[in-house]
């Protein structure tokens, strides 16, 4: 369990700062299997999880949904036969916030 998994998400305002520079690199070391993808100018954390069948992929999707709902911070979830792609970013600020790394670490812990 990493330090990030023990942290709670903080309320994110539209004027909250995005992670930048050294903070981004330090946080990425905490969730090394996640990549930073940029779509339409918005940085997002993304990871693919593989499963032997659809039922297990769907069960994982539901567990991610439960932790997301508990924190009020919701990812994009793409569930297919044998895989789930989880994408975290903070919609209000149009990029990455520390909350996204907290939730990525919690997703890893599942």
Protein backbone atom coordinates (compact mmCIF):
# COMPACT_ATOMS: atom_id res chain seq x y z
CA UNK A 1 0.00 0.00 0.00
CA UNK A 2 1.46 3.34 -1.01
CA UNK A 3 1.10 6.66 0.75
CA UNK A 4 -1.32 7.73 -1.98
CA UNK A 5 -3.80 4.93 -1.21
CA UNK A 6 -4.19 6.26 2.34
CA UNK A 7 -4.99 9.80 1.19
CA UNK A 8 -8.46 11.16 0.56
CA UNK A 9 -9.46 13.23 -2.42
CA UNK A 10 -9.83 16.90 -1.69
CA UNK A 11 -12.64 18.98 -3.11
CA UNK A 12 -11.50 20.22 -6.48
CA UNK A 13 -12.48 23.73 -7.57
CA UNK A 14 -12.33 25.08 -11.11
CA UNK A 15 -9.37 27.25 -10.07
CA UNK A 16 -7.41 24.40 -8.44
CA UNK A 17 -3.90 24.03 -9.81
CA UNK A 18 -2.98 21.15 -12.08
CA UNK A 19 0.06 19.07 -11.09
CA UNK A 20 3.16 20.25 -12.87
CA UNK A 21 6.89 19.61 -13.11
CA UNK A 22 8.48 17.89 -10.15
CA UNK A 23 5.16 17.04 -8.52
CA UNK A 24 4.01 15.25 -11.67
CA UNK A 25 7.20 13.20 -11.88
CA UNK A 26 7.08 12.31 -8.16
CA UNK A 27 3.45 11.22 -8.40
CA UNK A 28 4.11 9.18 -11.55
CA UNK A 29 6.72 7.18 -9.61
CA UNK A 30 3.95 6.22 -7.17
CA UNK A 31 1.83 4.72 -9.99
CA UNK A 32 4.45 3.50 -12.49
CA UNK A 33 2.11 1.35 -14.59
CA UNK A 34 -0.07 4.34 -15.51
CA UNK A 35 0.67 6.45 -18.55
CA UNK A 36 -0.07 10.12 -19.09
CA UNK A 37 -2.10 10.54 -22.27
CA UNK A 38 -3.12 13.89 -23.73
CA UNK A 39 -6.46 14.09 -25.51
CA UNK A 40 -7.79 17.35 -26.87
CA UNK A 41 -5.14 19.16 -24.84
CA UNK A 42 -6.17 17.47 -21.57
CA UNK A 43 -3.64 15.34 -19.67
CA UNK A 44 -5.14 12.10 -18.33
CA UNK A 45 -3.84 9.07 -16.41
CA UNK A 46 -4.61 5.78 -18.08
CA UNK A 47 -4.02 2.09 -17.47
CA UNK A 48 -5.30 -1.13 -19.03
CA UNK A 49 -6.10 -4.05 -16.73
CA UNK A 50 -6.37 -7.53 -18.28
CA UNK A 51 -8.68 -10.33 -17.13
CA UNK A 52 -9.37 -13.88 -18.31
CA UNK A 53 -13.00 -13.16 -19.16
CA UNK A 54 -15.76 -10.57 -19.30
CA UNK A 55 -17.27 -11.42 -15.91
CA UNK A 56 -14.03 -10.60 -14.06
CA UNK A 57 -13.53 -7.43 -16.10
CA UNK A 58 -17.05 -6.32 -15.23
CA UNK A 59 -16.55 -7.12 -11.53
CA UNK A 60 -13.40 -4.97 -11.53
CA UNK A 61 -15.27 -2.16 -13.29
CA UNK A 62 -17.90 -2.26 -10.54
CA UNK A 63 -15.23 -2.14 -7.79
CA UNK A 64 -13.62 0.89 -9.43
CA UNK A 65 -17.08 2.46 -9.63
CA UNK A 66 -17.60 1.90 -5.91
CA UNK A 67 -14.37 3.65 -4.89
CA UNK A 68 -15.09 6.45 -7.35
CA UNK A 69 -18.55 7.02 -5.95
CA UNK A 70 -17.23 6.97 -2.37
CA UNK A 71 -14.82 9.82 -3.20
CA UNK A 72 -17.06 11.71 -5.60
CA UNK A 73 -14.35 11.48 -8.26
CA UNK A 74 -15.24 9.49 -11.36
CA UNK A 75 -13.10 8.00 -14.14
CA UNK A 76 -13.80 6.98 -17.67
CA UNK A 77 -14.18 3.19 -17.67
CA UNK A 78 -14.03 1.15 -20.86
CA UNK A 79 -14.98 -2.47 -20.22
CA UNK A 80 -14.50 -5.12 -22.89
CA UNK A 81 -14.13 -8.85 -22.92
CA UNK A 82 -10.93 -9.49 -20.98
CA UNK A 83 -9.92 -5.90 -20.24
CA UNK A 84 -10.79 -2.64 -18.56
CA UNK A 85 -9.19 0.69 -19.41
CA UNK A 86 -9.38 3.18 -16.54
CA UNK A 87 -8.79 6.86 -17.25
CA UNK A 88 -8.56 9.45 -14.47
CA UNK A 89 -8.46 13.24 -14.85
CA UNK A 90 -10.10 16.19 -13.17
CA UNK A 91 -12.83 17.55 -15.39
CA UNK A 92 -13.17 20.85 -13.49
CA UNK A 93 -9.57 21.85 -14.16
CA UNK A 94 -9.17 20.17 -17.52
CA UNK A 95 -6.13 18.13 -16.51
CA UNK A 96 -4.40 16.22 -13.76
CA UNK A 97 -4.79 16.94 -10.04
CA UNK A 98 -3.29 15.05 -7.11
CA UNK A 99 -6.73 13.41 -6.68
CA UNK A 100 -6.21 11.54 -9.96
CA UNK A 101 -3.02 9.94 -8.66
CA UNK A 102 -4.72 9.06 -5.35
CA UNK A 103 -7.48 7.30 -7.28
CA UNK A 104 -5.01 5.58 -9.64
CA UNK A 105 -3.17 4.18 -6.60
CA UNK A 106 -6.46 3.02 -5.09
CA UNK A 107 -7.39 1.40 -8.41
CA UNK A 108 -4.07 -0.46 -8.36
CA UNK A 109 -4.82 -1.66 -4.82
CA UNK A 110 -8.03 -3.36 -6.02
